[in-house]
C-alpha atoms as a PDB file:
ATOM      1  CA  MET A   1     -53.038-170.943 -49.630  1.00  0.00           C
ATOM      2  CA  LEU A   2     -56.638-170.917 -50.749  1.00  0.00           C
ATOM      3  CA  SER A   3     -57.161-169.516 -54.203  1.00  0.00           C
ATOM      4  CA  ASN A   4     -59.286-169.931 -57.264  1.00  0.00           C
ATOM      5  CA  PHE A   5     -58.411-173.173 -58.965  1.00  0.00           C
ATOM      6  CA  LYS A   6     -59.508-174.023 -62.486  1.00  0.00           C
ATOM      7  CA  ASN A   7     -59.678-177.795 -62.018  1.00  0.00           C
ATOM      8  CA  SER A   8     -59.019-180.666 -59.647  1.00  0.00           C
ATOM      9  CA  LEU A   9     -55.456-181.328 -60.791  1.00  0.00           C
ATOM     10  CA  GLU A  10     -54.447-177.697 -60.313  1.00  0.00           C
ATOM     11  CA  LEU A  11     -55.907-177.837 -56.809  1.00  0.00           C
ATOM     12  CA  LEU A  12     -54.090-181.089 -55.990  1.00  0.00           C
ATOM     13  CA  GLU A  13     -50.785-179.642 -57.220  1.00  0.00           C
ATOM     14  CA  ALA A  14     -51.249-176.701 -54.843  1.00  0.00           C
ATOM     15  CA  VAL A  15     -52.025-179.106 -52.002  1.00  0.00           C
ATOM     16  CA  GLN A  16     -48.764-180.935 -52.680  1.00  0.00           C
ATOM     17  CA  LYS A  17     -46.803-177.670 -52.721  1.00  0.00           C
ATOM     18  CA  GLU A  18     -48.251-176.843 -49.303  1.00  0.00           C
ATOM     19  CA  GLN A  19     -47.184-180.341 -48.171  1.00  0.00           C
ATOM     20  CA  LEU A  20     -50.689-181.146 -46.999  1.00  0.00           C
ATOM     21  CA  TYR A  21     -51.531-183.910 -49.491  1.00  0.00           C
ATOM     22  CA  GLN A  22     -51.507-186.677 -46.855  1.00  0.00           C
ATOM     23  CA  LYS A  23     -53.777-184.628 -44.611  1.00  0.00           C
ATOM     24  CA  LEU A  24     -56.164-184.129 -47.536  1.00  0.00           C
ATOM     25  CA  LEU A  25     -56.244-187.882 -48.135  1.00  0.00           C
ATOM     26  CA  GLN A  26     -56.970-188.497 -44.453  1.00  0.00           C
ATOM     27  CA  GLN A  27     -59.769-185.907 -44.485  1.00  0.00           C
ATOM     28  CA  LEU A  28     -61.315-187.482 -47.595  1.00  0.00           C
ATOM     29  CA  ILE A  29     -61.206-190.950 -46.054  1.00  0.00           C
ATOM     30  CA  LYS A  30     -62.704-189.644 -42.807  1.00  0.00           C
ATOM     31  CA  ASP A  31     -65.597-187.820 -44.495  1.00  0.00           C
ATOM     32  CA  PHE A  32     -66.411-190.691 -46.852  1.00  0.00           C
ATOM     33  CA  GLU A  33     -66.531-193.008 -43.822  1.00  0.00           C
ATOM     34  CA  LEU A  34     -68.763-190.556 -41.931  1.00  0.00           C
ATOM     35  CA  ALA A  35     -71.117-190.511 -44.925  1.00  0.00           C
ATOM     36  CA  ASN A  36     -71.065-194.329 -44.918  1.00  0.00           C
ATOM     37  CA  VAL A  37     -69.724-194.347 -48.481  1.00  0.00           C
ATOM     38  CA  PRO A  38     -66.935-196.898 -48.893  1.00  0.00           C
ATOM     39  CA  ILE A  39     -63.985-195.712 -50.977  1.00  0.00           C
ATOM     40  CA  ASN A  40     -60.516-197.113 -51.457  1.00  0.00           C
ATOM     41  CA  ILE A  41     -57.954-194.317 -51.201  1.00  0.00           C
ATOM     42  CA  PRO A  42     -54.464-195.663 -50.503  1.00  0.00           C
ATOM     43  CA  LEU A  43     -52.142-193.155 -48.850  1.00  0.00           C
ATOM     44  CA  ASP A  44     -49.667-193.458 -51.751  1.00  0.00           C
ATOM     45  CA  ILE A  45     -52.227-192.553 -54.435  1.00  0.00           C
ATOM     46  CA  THR A  46     -51.124-190.025 -57.069  1.00  0.00           C
ATOM     47  CA  PRO A  47     -53.129-186.830 -57.623  1.00  0.00           C
ATOM     48  CA  GLU A  48     -54.277-188.093 -61.041  1.00  0.00           C
ATOM     49  CA  GLN A  49     -55.467-191.372 -59.527  1.00  0.00           C
ATOM     50  CA  LEU A  50     -57.174-189.536 -56.673  1.00  0.00           C
ATOM     51  CA  LYS A  51     -59.031-187.270 -59.082  1.00  0.00           C
ATOM     52  CA  SER A  52     -60.157-190.297 -61.077  1.00  0.00           C
ATOM     53  CA  THR A  53     -61.181-192.282 -57.991  1.00  0.00           C
ATOM     54  CA  ILE A  54     -63.263-189.442 -56.566  1.00  0.00           C
ATOM     55  CA  HIS A  55     -64.872-188.781 -59.963  1.00  0.00           C
ATOM     56  CA  GLU A  56     -65.788-192.446 -60.429  1.00  0.00           C
ATOM     57  CA  LYS A  57     -67.254-192.670 -56.925  1.00  0.00           C
ATOM     58  CA  VAL A  58     -69.327-189.502 -57.321  1.00  0.00           C
ATOM     59  CA  TYR A  59     -70.567-190.703 -60.724  1.00  0.00           C
ATOM     60  CA  TYR A  60     -71.562-194.062 -59.226  1.00  0.00           C
ATOM     61  CA  LEU A  61     -73.361-192.382 -56.328  1.00  0.00           C
ATOM     62  CA  ILE A  62     -75.328-190.049 -58.607  1.00  0.00           C
ATOM     63  CA  VAL A  63     -76.408-192.893 -60.887  1.00  0.00           C
ATOM     64  CA  GLU A  64     -76.854-195.772 -58.429  1.00  0.00           C
ATOM     65  CA  LYS A  65     -77.101-194.442 -54.849  1.00  0.00           C
ATOM     66  CA  PHE A  66     -78.477-190.923 -54.981  1.00  0.00           C
ATOM     67  CA  GLN A  67     -79.379-190.781 -51.269  1.00  0.00           C
ATOM     68  CA  ASN A  68     -75.776-191.677 -50.380  1.00  0.00           C
ATOM     69  CA  TYR A  69     -74.612-188.948 -52.789  1.00  0.00           C
ATOM     70  CA  LEU A  70     -76.756-186.374 -50.968  1.00  0.00           C
ATOM     71  CA  ASN A  71     -75.496-187.626 -47.621  1.00  0.00           C
ATOM     72  CA  LEU A  72     -71.878-187.253 -48.803  1.00  0.00           C
ATOM     73  CA  LEU A  73     -72.539-183.670 -49.914  1.00  0.00           C
ATOM     74  CA  TYR A  74     -73.993-182.967 -46.470  1.00  0.00           C
ATOM     75  CA  VAL A  75     -71.095-184.550 -44.561  1.00  0.00           C
ATOM     76  CA  VAL A  76     -68.447-182.801 -46.664  1.00  0.00           C
ATOM     77  CA  ASP A  77     -70.479-179.584 -46.320  1.00  0.00           C
ATOM     78  CA  ILE A  78     -70.731-178.586 -49.950  1.00  0.00           C
ATOM     79  CA  ALA A  79     -73.022-175.595 -50.329  1.00  0.00           C
ATOM     80  CA  GLU A  80     -76.259-176.328 -52.152  1.00  0.00           C
ATOM     81  CA  SER A  81     -75.875-173.033 -54.008  1.00  0.00           C
ATOM     82  CA  GLU A  82     -72.555-174.261 -55.454  1.00  0.00           C
ATOM     83  CA  VAL A  83     -74.128-177.484 -56.694  1.00  0.00           C
ATOM     84  CA  LYS A  84     -77.011-175.542 -58.249  1.00  0.00           C
ATOM     85  CA  LYS A  85     -74.521-173.454 -60.251  1.00  0.00           C
ATOM     86  CA  ILE A  86     -73.443-176.552 -62.199  1.00  0.00           C
ATOM     87  CA  THR A  87     -74.797-176.392 -65.730  1.00  0.00           C
ATOM     88  CA  PRO A  88     -77.015-179.403 -66.358  1.00  0.00           C
ATOM     89  CA  SER A  89     -75.385-181.668 -68.902  1.00  0.00           C
ATOM     90  CA  ASP A  90     -74.550-185.350 -68.853  1.00  0.00           C
ATOM     91  CA  VAL A  91     -73.852-187.180 -65.593  1.00  0.00           C
ATOM     92  CA  VAL A  92     -70.129-187.549 -66.369  1.00  0.00           C
ATOM     93  CA  ASP A  93     -69.661-183.769 -66.543  1.00  0.00           C
ATOM     94  CA  ILE A  94     -71.830-183.132 -63.504  1.00  0.00           C
ATOM     95  CA  SER A  95     -69.924-185.709 -61.454  1.00  0.00           C
ATOM     96  CA  ALA A  96     -66.624-184.119 -62.513  1.00  0.00           C
ATOM     97  CA  GLU A  97     -67.844-180.712 -61.322  1.00  0.00           C
ATOM     98  CA  VAL A  98     -69.135-182.134 -58.033  1.00  0.00           C
ATOM     99  CA  SER A  99     -65.819-183.947 -57.529  1.00  0.00           C
ATOM    100  CA  PHE A 100     -64.015-180.629 -57.953  1.00  0.00           C
ATOM    101  CA  LEU A 101     -66.348-178.971 -55.406  1.00  0.00           C
ATOM    102  CA  LEU A 102     -65.746-181.849 -53.017  1.00  0.00           C
ATOM    103  CA  LEU A 103     -61.966-181.585 -53.323  1.00  0.00           C
ATOM    104  CA  LYS A 104     -62.101-177.794 -52.906  1.00  0.00           C
ATOM    105  CA  ARG A 105     -64.171-178.084 -49.734  1.00  0.00           C
ATOM    106  CA  GLU A 106     -61.952-180.787 -48.271  1.00  0.00           C
ATOM    107  CA  TRP A 107     -58.904-178.647 -49.099  1.00  0.00           C
ATOM    108  CA  GLN A 108     -60.460-175.715 -47.251  1.00  0.00           C
ATOM    109  CA  LYS A 109     -60.927-177.861 -44.165  1.00  0.00           C
ATOM    110  CA  VAL A 110     -57.330-179.137 -44.264  1.00  0.00           C
ATOM    111  CA  TRP A 111     -55.835-175.714 -44.985  1.00  0.00           C
ATOM    112  CA  TYR A 112     -57.714-173.992 -42.166  1.00  0.00           C
ATOM    113  CA  LYS A 113     -56.778-176.728 -39.694  1.00  0.00           C
ATOM    114  CA  ALA A 114     -53.108-176.467 -40.683  1.00  0.00           C
ATOM    115  CA  LYS A 115     -53.087-172.679 -40.588  1.00  0.00           C
ATOM    116  CA  TYR A 116     -55.038-172.064 -37.385  1.00  0.00           C
ATOM    117  CA  SER A 117     -54.407-175.064 -35.151  1.00  0.00           C
ATOM    118  CA  SER A 118     -51.736-174.775 -32.541  1.00  0.00           C
END
């Protein structure tokens, strides 16, 4: 079920309850590959490790490869208006917020596919 989550870990716990965690991992891997952003996400990764991995990658992209960061946002389909709502602070906090938006959007994709595909 889609609902308002407070943070990435709360979202990932809900994904596990819906038994769609593996599908979320596959969707993340697929979209990162489409954006040509290499990321190592093993299929047995824990939610805490996943949150950390995504956060580190987004931080790296913002600091080192900004064009790739923008491309990833486009491929994942994160609304520009959502990114603009993030309060400017340090890059660590911004990357954490963007990581949360990324996970929420990927969860939407997985949830809708599971709910409405035949």
